[in-house]
């Protein structure tokens, strides 16, 4: 809500500036009005540059947007007299349209920032993001194996195979002994019959 109020105050300030220019157009000499517009434009330009430097130093995005707005207002102020004389617009109508554009811009900016702020607030209240953590899958990179590592693996496999062969031969010998004992018993029984 605080950002909406700030944006509305900025809009009111810019609209008041345009209203003052409209009244000055009807009451002042045109040469003096052009000089005053140039002074205000220079002031907005200096404020915009200062705000831009401060936003860069503090890494503040909101200040950077304000600086850009001040620079745009400065360029608009410089172009007021040229546009009204070249395109033959009525000065008061041009200021009215400019005021309307500024109000719409700041209202939209306020609504967007309020919506964003509200979304962040509601997201902070929700436990769902903590409960369901979406972790990125682990990406495994292919490794280039060393020759030594491959040779070690081959040697270990050979050792396994030879140990298996030895264990098989021992088992086979035991089986043969059992068979030979069984065959001897069978032969003795035949003889006895």
N, C-alpha and C. Protein backbone atom coordinates (compact mmCIF):
# COMPACT_ATOMS: atom_id res chain seq x y z
N UNK A 1 0.83 -1.19 0.00
CA UNK A 1 0.00 0.00 0.00
C UNK A 1 0.87 1.25 0.00
N UNK A 2 2.02 1.14 0.62
CA UNK A 2 2.93 2.27 0.71
C UNK A 2 3.43 2.69 -0.67
N UNK A 3 3.69 1.71 -1.55
CA UNK A 3 4.18 2.02 -2.89
C UNK A 3 3.12 2.72 -3.73
N UNK A 4 1.86 2.35 -3.54
CA UNK A 4 0.78 3.01 -4.28
C UNK A 4 0.71 4.47 -3.90
N UNK A 5 0.82 4.76 -2.61
CA UNK A 5 0.75 6.14 -2.15
C UNK A 5 1.93 6.94 -2.69
N UNK A 6 3.13 6.35 -2.68
CA UNK A 6 4.30 7.04 -3.24
C UNK A 6 4.11 7.35 -4.72
N UNK A 7 3.58 6.37 -5.46
CA UNK A 7 3.37 6.59 -6.89
C UNK A 7 2.30 7.65 -7.14
N UNK A 8 1.25 7.66 -6.33
CA UNK A 8 0.23 8.69 -6.49
C UNK A 8 0.79 10.07 -6.16
N UNK A 9 1.64 10.17 -5.15
CA UNK A 9 2.26 11.46 -4.82
C UNK A 9 3.17 11.93 -5.95
N UNK A 10 3.90 11.02 -6.56
CA UNK A 10 4.73 11.39 -7.72
C UNK A 10 3.85 11.89 -8.86
N UNK A 11 2.75 11.18 -9.11
CA UNK A 11 1.83 11.60 -10.18
C UNK A 11 1.26 12.97 -9.89
N UNK A 12 0.86 13.22 -8.64
CA UNK A 12 0.30 14.53 -8.28
C UNK A 12 1.35 15.62 -8.47
N UNK A 13 2.61 15.35 -8.11
CA UNK A 13 3.68 16.33 -8.29
C UNK A 13 3.90 16.68 -9.75
N UNK A 14 3.92 15.69 -10.61
CA UNK A 14 4.14 15.94 -12.03
C UNK A 14 2.95 16.67 -12.64
N UNK A 15 1.74 16.28 -12.23
CA UNK A 15 0.54 16.95 -12.74
C UNK A 15 0.52 18.41 -12.28
N UNK A 16 0.91 18.68 -11.04
CA UNK A 16 0.99 20.07 -10.55
C UNK A 16 2.00 20.86 -11.37
N UNK A 17 3.11 20.23 -11.72
CA UNK A 17 4.11 20.89 -12.58
C UNK A 17 3.49 21.27 -13.92
N UNK A 18 2.75 20.34 -14.52
CA UNK A 18 2.11 20.64 -15.81
C UNK A 18 1.04 21.72 -15.66
N UNK A 19 0.30 21.74 -14.56
CA UNK A 19 -0.73 22.77 -14.33
C UNK A 19 -0.09 24.14 -14.19
N UNK A 20 1.03 24.17 -13.44
CA UNK A 20 1.75 25.45 -13.28
C UNK A 20 2.24 25.95 -14.64
N UNK A 21 2.74 25.05 -15.49
CA UNK A 21 3.18 25.46 -16.83
C UNK A 21 2.00 25.99 -17.66
N UNK A 22 0.83 25.36 -17.50
CA UNK A 22 -0.35 25.83 -18.25
C UNK A 22 -0.75 27.23 -17.81
N UNK A 23 -0.76 27.48 -16.49
CA UNK A 23 -1.10 28.83 -16.01
C UNK A 23 -0.03 29.85 -16.42
N UNK A 24 1.22 29.44 -16.39
CA UNK A 24 2.30 30.34 -16.77
C UNK A 24 2.21 30.69 -18.25
N UNK A 25 1.74 29.76 -19.05
CA UNK A 25 1.60 30.01 -20.49
C UNK A 25 0.61 31.15 -20.75
N UNK A 26 -0.46 31.19 -19.98
CA UNK A 26 -1.48 32.24 -20.19
C UNK A 26 -1.07 33.57 -19.56
N UNK A 27 -0.24 33.58 -18.52
CA UNK A 27 0.06 34.80 -17.77
C UNK A 27 1.45 35.38 -18.07
N UNK A 28 2.38 34.55 -18.55
CA UNK A 28 3.76 35.01 -18.71
C UNK A 28 4.10 35.28 -20.17
N UNK A 29 5.22 35.99 -20.32
CA UNK A 29 5.80 36.21 -21.63
C UNK A 29 6.33 34.86 -22.14
N UNK A 30 6.23 34.60 -23.42
CA UNK A 30 6.62 33.30 -23.99
C UNK A 30 8.12 33.05 -23.85
N UNK A 31 8.94 34.10 -24.00
CA UNK A 31 10.40 33.92 -23.85
C UNK A 31 10.77 33.54 -22.43
N UNK A 32 10.11 34.18 -21.47
CA UNK A 32 10.40 33.86 -20.07
C UNK A 32 9.93 32.44 -19.74
N UNK A 33 8.78 32.04 -20.30
CA UNK A 33 8.26 30.68 -20.08
C UNK A 33 9.24 29.63 -20.61
N UNK A 34 9.80 29.89 -21.80
CA UNK A 34 10.78 28.96 -22.37
C UNK A 34 12.00 28.87 -21.45
N UNK A 35 12.47 29.98 -20.92
CA UNK A 35 13.60 29.97 -19.99
C UNK A 35 13.29 29.19 -18.72
N UNK A 36 12.07 29.38 -18.18
CA UNK A 36 11.68 28.64 -16.97
C UNK A 36 11.57 27.14 -17.24
N UNK A 37 11.04 26.79 -18.39
CA UNK A 37 10.93 25.37 -18.75
C UNK A 37 12.33 24.75 -18.86
N UNK A 38 13.28 25.51 -19.44
CA UNK A 38 14.65 25.01 -19.54
C UNK A 38 15.28 24.83 -18.16
N UNK A 39 14.98 25.75 -17.24
CA UNK A 39 15.51 25.62 -15.87
C UNK A 39 14.94 24.38 -15.20
N UNK A 40 13.63 24.19 -15.30
CA UNK A 40 13.02 23.00 -14.70
C UNK A 40 13.54 21.71 -15.35
N UNK A 41 13.73 21.76 -16.65
CA UNK A 41 14.26 20.59 -17.35
C UNK A 41 15.67 20.27 -16.86
N UNK A 42 16.49 21.28 -16.70
CA UNK A 42 17.85 21.08 -16.18
C UNK A 42 17.83 20.53 -14.76
N UNK A 43 16.90 21.04 -13.94
CA UNK A 43 16.76 20.54 -12.57
C UNK A 43 16.38 19.07 -12.55
N UNK A 44 15.42 18.69 -13.40
CA UNK A 44 15.01 17.28 -13.48
C UNK A 44 16.16 16.41 -13.99
N UNK A 45 16.94 16.97 -14.92
CA UNK A 45 18.08 16.23 -15.47
C UNK A 45 19.13 15.97 -14.39
N UNK A 46 19.46 17.00 -13.61
CA UNK A 46 20.45 16.84 -12.54
C UNK A 46 19.95 15.86 -11.48
N UNK A 47 18.68 15.98 -11.09
CA UNK A 47 18.12 15.06 -10.10
C UNK A 47 18.12 13.62 -10.62
N UNK A 48 17.81 13.46 -11.90
CA UNK A 48 17.83 12.12 -12.51
C UNK A 48 19.21 11.51 -12.52
N UNK A 49 20.22 12.31 -12.84
CA UNK A 49 21.59 11.79 -12.87
C UNK A 49 22.05 11.44 -11.46
N UNK A 50 21.73 12.29 -10.48
CA UNK A 50 22.09 11.98 -9.09
C UNK A 50 21.41 10.70 -8.63
N UNK A 51 20.14 10.56 -8.95
CA UNK A 51 19.41 9.35 -8.55
C UNK A 51 19.98 8.12 -9.25
N UNK A 52 20.38 8.28 -10.50
CA UNK A 52 20.97 7.16 -11.25
C UNK A 52 22.30 6.72 -10.62
N UNK A 53 23.12 7.69 -10.25
CA UNK A 53 24.39 7.36 -9.60
C UNK A 53 24.16 6.69 -8.25
N UNK A 54 23.21 7.19 -7.49
CA UNK A 54 22.92 6.61 -6.18
C UNK A 54 22.37 5.19 -6.32
N UNK A 55 21.51 4.98 -7.31
CA UNK A 55 20.96 3.64 -7.52
C UNK A 55 22.04 2.66 -7.96
N UNK A 56 22.99 3.14 -8.75
CA UNK A 56 24.10 2.28 -9.18
C UNK A 56 24.99 1.92 -8.00
N UNK A 57 25.24 2.91 -7.13
CA UNK A 57 26.09 2.69 -5.97
C UNK A 57 25.45 1.72 -4.98
N UNK A 58 24.13 1.89 -4.74
CA UNK A 58 23.42 1.07 -3.77
C UNK A 58 22.82 -0.19 -4.38
N UNK A 59 22.90 -0.32 -5.70
CA UNK A 59 22.27 -1.43 -6.44
C UNK A 59 20.79 -1.53 -6.10
N UNK A 60 20.11 -0.38 -6.24
CA UNK A 60 18.69 -0.27 -5.91
C UNK A 60 17.90 -0.10 -7.20
N UNK A 61 17.07 -1.08 -7.53
CA UNK A 61 16.29 -1.04 -8.76
C UNK A 61 15.21 0.02 -8.75
N UNK A 62 14.57 0.21 -7.60
CA UNK A 62 13.50 1.21 -7.52
C UNK A 62 14.04 2.62 -7.74
N UNK A 63 15.21 2.89 -7.19
CA UNK A 63 15.83 4.21 -7.39
C UNK A 63 16.21 4.41 -8.85
N UNK A 64 16.63 3.34 -9.51
CA UNK A 64 16.98 3.43 -10.93
C UNK A 64 15.75 3.77 -11.76
N UNK A 65 14.62 3.18 -11.42
CA UNK A 65 13.38 3.48 -12.15
C UNK A 65 12.99 4.94 -11.93
N UNK A 66 13.12 5.43 -10.70
CA UNK A 66 12.83 6.83 -10.41
C UNK A 66 13.75 7.75 -11.21
N UNK A 67 15.03 7.37 -11.31
CA UNK A 67 15.99 8.17 -12.08
C UNK A 67 15.60 8.22 -13.55
N UNK A 68 15.18 7.10 -14.09
CA UNK A 68 14.76 7.07 -15.49
C UNK A 68 13.51 7.92 -15.69
N UNK A 69 12.60 7.88 -14.74
CA UNK A 69 11.40 8.71 -14.82
C UNK A 69 11.76 10.20 -14.82
N UNK A 70 12.72 10.59 -13.96
CA UNK A 70 13.16 11.98 -13.93
C UNK A 70 13.83 12.39 -15.24
N UNK A 71 14.62 11.51 -15.81
CA UNK A 71 15.25 11.81 -17.10
C UNK A 71 14.20 11.94 -18.20
N UNK A 72 13.19 11.10 -18.18
CA UNK A 72 12.11 11.18 -19.18
C UNK A 72 11.33 12.48 -19.01
N UNK A 73 11.08 12.88 -17.76
CA UNK A 73 10.38 14.14 -17.51
C UNK A 73 11.22 15.32 -18.00
N UNK A 74 12.53 15.24 -17.83
CA UNK A 74 13.42 16.29 -18.31
C UNK A 74 13.35 16.41 -19.84
N UNK A 75 13.39 15.26 -20.52
CA UNK A 75 13.31 15.29 -21.99
C UNK A 75 11.94 15.80 -22.45
N UNK A 76 10.90 15.40 -21.75
CA UNK A 76 9.56 15.88 -22.10
C UNK A 76 9.47 17.38 -21.92
N UNK A 77 10.04 17.90 -20.85
CA UNK A 77 9.99 19.35 -20.60
C UNK A 77 10.74 20.11 -21.68
N UNK A 78 11.86 19.57 -22.12
CA UNK A 78 12.61 20.24 -23.18
C UNK A 78 11.86 20.23 -24.51
N UNK A 79 11.08 19.20 -24.72
CA UNK A 79 10.41 19.08 -26.02
C UNK A 79 9.03 19.76 -26.06
N UNK A 80 8.56 20.28 -24.94
CA UNK A 80 7.21 20.86 -24.91
C UNK A 80 7.06 21.97 -25.94
N UNK A 81 7.95 22.94 -25.92
CA UNK A 81 7.80 24.11 -26.82
C UNK A 81 8.00 23.71 -28.28
N UNK A 82 8.90 22.77 -28.53
CA UNK A 82 9.14 22.37 -29.92
C UNK A 82 7.93 21.63 -30.48
N UNK A 83 7.35 20.76 -29.70
CA UNK A 83 6.20 19.99 -30.19
C UNK A 83 5.00 20.90 -30.41
N UNK A 84 4.76 21.82 -29.48
CA UNK A 84 3.59 22.69 -29.63
C UNK A 84 3.75 23.65 -30.81
N UNK A 85 4.98 24.08 -31.10
CA UNK A 85 5.15 25.01 -32.23
C UNK A 85 5.24 24.27 -33.56
N UNK A 86 5.95 23.14 -33.59
CA UNK A 86 6.12 22.42 -34.86
C UNK A 86 4.83 21.73 -35.29
N UNK A 87 4.17 21.04 -34.36
CA UNK A 87 2.96 20.30 -34.72
C UNK A 87 1.68 21.12 -34.52
N UNK A 88 1.86 22.34 -34.05
CA UNK A 88 0.75 23.30 -33.87
C UNK A 88 -0.35 22.75 -32.95
N UNK A 89 0.10 22.19 -31.81
CA UNK A 89 -0.85 21.76 -30.78
C UNK A 89 -1.15 22.93 -29.87
N UNK A 90 -2.34 22.90 -29.28
CA UNK A 90 -2.67 23.87 -28.24
C UNK A 90 -1.88 23.49 -26.99
N UNK A 91 -1.25 24.48 -26.35
CA UNK A 91 -0.37 24.23 -25.22
C UNK A 91 -1.13 23.60 -24.05
N UNK A 92 -2.31 24.16 -23.73
CA UNK A 92 -3.08 23.63 -22.60
C UNK A 92 -3.57 22.21 -22.87
N UNK A 93 -3.98 21.93 -24.09
CA UNK A 93 -4.43 20.58 -24.44
C UNK A 93 -3.26 19.59 -24.34
N UNK A 94 -2.11 20.03 -24.81
CA UNK A 94 -0.92 19.16 -24.74
C UNK A 94 -0.54 18.86 -23.30
N UNK A 95 -0.61 19.86 -22.44
CA UNK A 95 -0.32 19.66 -21.02
C UNK A 95 -1.37 18.75 -20.37
N UNK A 96 -2.62 18.88 -20.76
CA UNK A 96 -3.68 18.02 -20.23
C UNK A 96 -3.45 16.56 -20.62
N UNK A 97 -3.11 16.34 -21.89
CA UNK A 97 -2.85 14.98 -22.36
C UNK A 97 -1.62 14.41 -21.66
N UNK A 98 -0.58 15.23 -21.49
CA UNK A 98 0.62 14.78 -20.80
C UNK A 98 0.30 14.41 -19.35
N UNK A 99 -0.55 15.22 -18.70
CA UNK A 99 -0.95 14.93 -17.32
C UNK A 99 -1.70 13.61 -17.24
N UNK A 100 -2.58 13.38 -18.19
CA UNK A 100 -3.35 12.14 -18.22
C UNK A 100 -2.44 10.93 -18.40
N UNK A 101 -1.47 11.04 -19.30
CA UNK A 101 -0.53 9.94 -19.54
C UNK A 101 0.28 9.65 -18.28
N UNK A 102 0.72 10.71 -17.59
CA UNK A 102 1.51 10.53 -16.37
C UNK A 102 0.68 9.85 -15.28
N UNK A 103 -0.58 10.28 -15.12
CA UNK A 103 -1.45 9.68 -14.09
C UNK A 103 -1.68 8.20 -14.39
N UNK A 104 -1.96 7.87 -15.64
CA UNK A 104 -2.19 6.47 -16.02
C UNK A 104 -0.92 5.65 -15.77
N UNK A 105 0.24 6.20 -16.12
CA UNK A 105 1.50 5.49 -15.91
C UNK A 105 1.71 5.19 -14.43
N UNK A 106 1.55 6.20 -13.59
CA UNK A 106 1.81 5.99 -12.16
C UNK A 106 0.75 5.10 -11.51
N UNK A 107 -0.49 5.16 -11.99
CA UNK A 107 -1.50 4.24 -11.47
C UNK A 107 -1.16 2.79 -11.82
N UNK A 108 -0.79 2.56 -13.07
CA UNK A 108 -0.41 1.20 -13.48
C UNK A 108 0.81 0.72 -12.72
N UNK A 109 1.78 1.61 -12.55
CA UNK A 109 2.99 1.24 -11.81
C UNK A 109 2.65 0.90 -10.36
N UNK A 110 1.77 1.67 -9.76
CA UNK A 110 1.36 1.40 -8.38
C UNK A 110 0.62 0.09 -8.24
N UNK A 111 -0.29 -0.17 -9.17
CA UNK A 111 -1.06 -1.42 -9.14
C UNK A 111 -0.14 -2.63 -9.32
N UNK A 112 0.79 -2.53 -10.26
CA UNK A 112 1.71 -3.64 -10.50
C UNK A 112 2.59 -3.88 -9.29
N UNK A 113 3.12 -2.81 -8.70
CA UNK A 113 4.00 -2.99 -7.54
C UNK A 113 3.21 -3.52 -6.34
N UNK A 114 1.95 -3.07 -6.18
CA UNK A 114 1.12 -3.58 -5.08
C UNK A 114 0.83 -5.07 -5.28
N UNK A 115 0.51 -5.46 -6.51
CA UNK A 115 0.24 -6.87 -6.80
C UNK A 115 1.47 -7.73 -6.53
N UNK A 116 2.62 -7.23 -6.94
CA UNK A 116 3.86 -7.96 -6.72
C UNK A 116 4.15 -8.09 -5.23
N UNK A 117 3.97 -7.00 -4.50
CA UNK A 117 4.21 -7.01 -3.06
C UNK A 117 3.25 -7.96 -2.35
N UNK A 118 2.00 -7.94 -2.76
CA UNK A 118 0.99 -8.80 -2.16
C UNK A 118 1.29 -10.28 -2.43
N UNK A 119 1.73 -10.58 -3.65
CA UNK A 119 2.08 -11.94 -4.01
C UNK A 119 3.23 -12.46 -3.15
N UNK A 120 4.24 -11.61 -2.95
CA UNK A 120 5.38 -11.99 -2.11
C UNK A 120 4.93 -12.21 -0.66
N UNK A 121 4.03 -11.38 -0.18
CA UNK A 121 3.52 -11.51 1.19
C UNK A 121 2.78 -12.84 1.34
N UNK A 122 1.90 -13.15 0.40
CA UNK A 122 1.14 -14.41 0.46
C UNK A 122 2.05 -15.62 0.29
N UNK A 123 3.07 -15.47 -0.53
CA UNK A 123 4.02 -16.56 -0.72
C UNK A 123 4.80 -16.81 0.57
N UNK A 124 5.06 -15.76 1.32
CA UNK A 124 5.76 -15.90 2.59
C UNK A 124 4.91 -16.60 3.63
N UNK A 125 3.60 -16.45 3.55
CA UNK A 125 2.70 -17.10 4.50
C UNK A 125 2.54 -18.59 4.22
N UNK A 126 2.70 -18.98 2.98
CA UNK A 126 2.47 -20.35 2.57
C UNK A 126 3.64 -21.26 2.95
N UNK A 127 3.30 -22.46 3.46
CA UNK A 127 4.31 -23.45 3.81
C UNK A 127 4.58 -24.42 2.67
N UNK A 128 3.83 -24.30 1.61
CA UNK A 128 3.91 -25.27 0.52
C UNK A 128 5.31 -25.30 -0.09
N UNK A 129 5.92 -24.13 -0.24
CA UNK A 129 7.25 -24.11 -0.84
C UNK A 129 8.27 -24.82 0.03
N UNK A 130 8.09 -24.80 1.34
CA UNK A 130 9.00 -25.51 2.22
C UNK A 130 8.72 -27.01 2.22
N UNK A 131 7.44 -27.37 2.13
CA UNK A 131 7.07 -28.77 2.16
C UNK A 131 7.50 -29.47 0.88
N UNK A 132 7.16 -28.86 -0.22
CA UNK A 132 7.50 -29.44 -1.51
C UNK A 132 8.66 -28.65 -2.09
N UNK A 133 9.84 -29.15 -1.84
CA UNK A 133 11.02 -28.49 -2.39
C UNK A 133 11.34 -29.12 -3.72
N UNK A 134 11.34 -28.28 -4.70
CA UNK A 134 11.67 -28.77 -6.03
C UNK A 134 13.17 -28.65 -6.21
N UNK A 135 13.83 -29.78 -6.08
CA UNK A 135 15.26 -29.79 -6.25
C UNK A 135 15.59 -30.18 -7.68
N UNK A 136 16.59 -29.56 -8.18
CA UNK A 136 17.01 -29.90 -9.53
C UNK A 136 17.74 -31.23 -9.50
N UNK A 137 17.52 -32.04 -10.51
CA UNK A 137 18.22 -33.32 -10.53
C UNK A 137 19.74 -33.11 -10.66
N UNK A 138 20.45 -34.03 -10.06
CA UNK A 138 21.90 -33.94 -10.08
C UNK A 138 22.38 -34.33 -11.48
N UNK A 139 23.18 -33.47 -12.02
CA UNK A 139 23.72 -33.74 -13.35
C UNK A 139 25.10 -34.34 -13.19
N UNK A 140 25.25 -35.54 -13.73
CA UNK A 140 26.54 -36.19 -13.66
C UNK A 140 27.27 -35.97 -14.97
N UNK A 141 28.50 -35.60 -14.84
CA UNK A 141 29.30 -35.38 -16.02
C UNK A 141 30.11 -36.63 -16.33
N UNK A 142 30.29 -36.87 -17.58
CA UNK A 142 31.08 -38.02 -17.99
C UNK A 142 32.54 -37.75 -17.67
N UNK A 143 33.19 -38.77 -17.09
CA UNK A 143 34.59 -38.62 -16.73
C UNK A 143 35.45 -39.34 -17.75
N UNK A 144 36.58 -38.79 -17.96
CA UNK A 144 37.55 -39.45 -18.80
C UNK A 144 38.40 -40.30 -17.88
N UNK A 145 38.38 -41.56 -18.09
CA UNK A 145 39.10 -42.47 -17.20
C UNK A 145 40.57 -42.54 -17.60
N UNK A 146 41.36 -42.64 -16.59
CA UNK A 146 42.80 -42.79 -16.82
C UNK A 146 43.12 -44.21 -17.25
N UNK A 147 44.25 -44.37 -17.92
CA UNK A 147 44.69 -45.70 -18.31
C UNK A 147 44.99 -46.54 -17.07
N UNK A 148 45.58 -45.87 -16.06
CA UNK A 148 45.92 -46.59 -14.84
C UNK A 148 44.68 -47.14 -14.16
N UNK A 149 43.64 -46.33 -14.13
CA UNK A 149 42.39 -46.76 -13.49
C UNK A 149 41.80 -47.95 -14.23
N UNK A 150 41.84 -47.90 -15.56
CA UNK A 150 41.32 -49.01 -16.35
C UNK A 150 42.15 -50.28 -16.13
N UNK A 151 43.48 -50.12 -16.06
CA UNK A 151 44.34 -51.28 -15.83
C UNK A 151 44.07 -51.90 -14.46
N UNK A 152 43.85 -51.06 -13.46
CA UNK A 152 43.53 -51.56 -12.12
C UNK A 152 42.23 -52.35 -12.13
N UNK A 153 41.26 -51.86 -12.85
CA UNK A 153 39.99 -52.58 -12.95
C UNK A 153 40.16 -53.93 -13.64
N UNK A 154 40.94 -53.93 -14.72
CA UNK A 154 41.16 -55.17 -15.45
C UNK A 154 41.86 -56.18 -14.55
N UNK A 155 42.87 -55.74 -13.81
CA UNK A 155 43.60 -56.63 -12.90
C UNK A 155 42.68 -57.19 -11.83
N UNK A 156 41.82 -56.33 -11.27
CA UNK A 156 40.91 -56.81 -10.22
C UNK A 156 39.94 -57.84 -10.79
N UNK A 157 39.49 -57.63 -12.03
CA UNK A 157 38.60 -58.61 -12.67
C UNK A 157 39.32 -59.94 -12.89
N UNK A 158 40.58 -59.85 -13.31
CA UNK A 158 41.36 -61.08 -13.53
C UNK A 158 41.51 -61.86 -12.23
N UNK A 159 41.77 -61.12 -11.15
CA UNK A 159 41.93 -61.78 -9.86
C UNK A 159 40.63 -62.45 -9.43
N UNK A 160 39.52 -61.78 -9.68
CA UNK A 160 38.22 -62.38 -9.34
C UNK A 160 38.00 -63.67 -10.12
N UNK A 161 38.32 -63.60 -11.40
CA UNK A 161 38.11 -64.78 -12.26
C UNK A 161 39.00 -65.93 -11.79
N UNK A 162 40.26 -65.67 -11.51
CA UNK A 162 41.15 -66.74 -11.07
C UNK A 162 40.74 -67.29 -9.71
N UNK A 163 40.30 -66.43 -8.82
CA UNK A 163 39.84 -66.93 -7.52
C UNK A 163 38.57 -67.76 -7.69
N UNK A 164 37.71 -67.36 -8.62
CA UNK A 164 36.51 -68.15 -8.90
C UNK A 164 36.89 -69.51 -9.49
N UNK A 165 37.90 -69.51 -10.37
CA UNK A 165 38.35 -70.78 -10.96
C UNK A 165 38.92 -71.70 -9.89
N UNK A 166 39.69 -71.14 -8.98
CA UNK A 166 40.26 -71.94 -7.91
C UNK A 166 39.17 -72.51 -7.03
N UNK A 167 38.21 -71.67 -6.70
CA UNK A 167 37.12 -72.15 -5.85
C UNK A 167 36.31 -73.22 -6.59
N UNK A 168 36.15 -73.06 -7.90
CA UNK A 168 35.43 -74.06 -8.68
C UNK A 168 36.20 -75.38 -8.70
N UNK A 169 37.47 -75.28 -8.87
CA UNK A 169 38.26 -76.52 -8.93
C UNK A 169 38.21 -77.25 -7.59
N UNK A 170 38.24 -76.52 -6.49
CA UNK A 170 38.12 -77.14 -5.18
C UNK A 170 36.76 -77.81 -5.04
N UNK A 171 35.74 -77.12 -5.48
CA UNK A 171 34.39 -77.69 -5.39
C UNK A 171 34.27 -78.92 -6.28
N UNK A 172 34.87 -78.86 -7.45
CA UNK A 172 34.82 -80.00 -8.36
C UNK A 172 35.54 -81.22 -7.74
N UNK A 173 36.67 -80.95 -7.10
CA UNK A 173 37.40 -82.04 -6.46
C UNK A 173 36.57 -82.69 -5.37
N UNK A 174 35.87 -81.89 -4.59
CA UNK A 174 35.01 -82.41 -3.53
C UNK A 174 33.91 -83.26 -4.13
N UNK A 175 33.31 -82.75 -5.23
CA UNK A 175 32.24 -83.50 -5.90
C UNK A 175 32.75 -84.83 -6.43
N UNK A 176 33.93 -84.80 -7.00
CA UNK A 176 34.51 -86.04 -7.54
C UNK A 176 34.77 -87.05 -6.42
N UNK A 177 35.25 -86.56 -5.28
CA UNK A 177 35.48 -87.45 -4.14
C UNK A 177 34.17 -88.08 -3.70
N UNK A 178 33.12 -87.26 -3.62
CA UNK A 178 31.82 -87.77 -3.21
C UNK A 178 31.33 -88.81 -4.22
N UNK A 179 31.49 -88.50 -5.50
CA UNK A 179 31.06 -89.43 -6.53
C UNK A 179 31.84 -90.74 -6.44
N UNK A 180 33.11 -90.59 -6.25
CA UNK A 180 33.92 -91.81 -6.19
C UNK A 180 33.54 -92.67 -4.96
N UNK A 181 33.25 -92.03 -3.85
CA UNK A 181 32.81 -92.78 -2.66
C UNK A 181 31.47 -93.44 -2.93
N UNK A 182 30.57 -92.73 -3.57
CA UNK A 182 29.26 -93.30 -3.88
C UNK A 182 29.40 -94.47 -4.83
N UNK A 183 30.23 -94.29 -5.84
CA UNK A 183 30.40 -95.39 -6.80
C UNK A 183 31.04 -96.61 -6.13
N UNK A 184 31.96 -96.39 -5.20
CA UNK A 184 32.56 -97.51 -4.49
C UNK A 184 31.51 -98.25 -3.68
N UNK A 185 30.62 -97.51 -3.02
CA UNK A 185 29.57 -98.13 -2.21
C UNK A 185 28.64 -98.93 -3.11
N UNK A 186 28.29 -98.36 -4.24
CA UNK A 186 27.40 -99.04 -5.16
C UNK A 186 28.06 -100.33 -5.67
N UNK A 187 29.32 -100.29 -5.98
CA UNK A 187 30.03 -101.47 -6.47
C UNK A 187 30.12 -102.55 -5.40
N UNK A 188 30.33 -102.11 -4.18
CA UNK A 188 30.40 -103.10 -3.05
C UNK A 188 29.03 -103.77 -2.91
N UNK A 189 27.99 -103.05 -3.03
CA UNK A 189 26.66 -103.64 -2.92
C UNK A 189 26.43 -104.64 -4.04
N UNK A 190 26.86 -104.35 -5.20
CA UNK A 190 26.68 -105.27 -6.34
C UNK A 190 27.48 -106.57 -6.10
N UNK A 191 28.65 -106.38 -5.60
CA UNK A 191 29.48 -107.54 -5.37
C UNK A 191 28.85 -108.46 -4.31
N UNK A 192 28.32 -107.81 -3.32
CA UNK A 192 27.71 -108.57 -2.23
C UNK A 192 26.46 -109.32 -2.74
N UNK A 193 25.83 -108.93 -3.69
CA UNK A 193 24.61 -109.56 -4.18
C UNK A 193 25.00 -110.71 -4.97
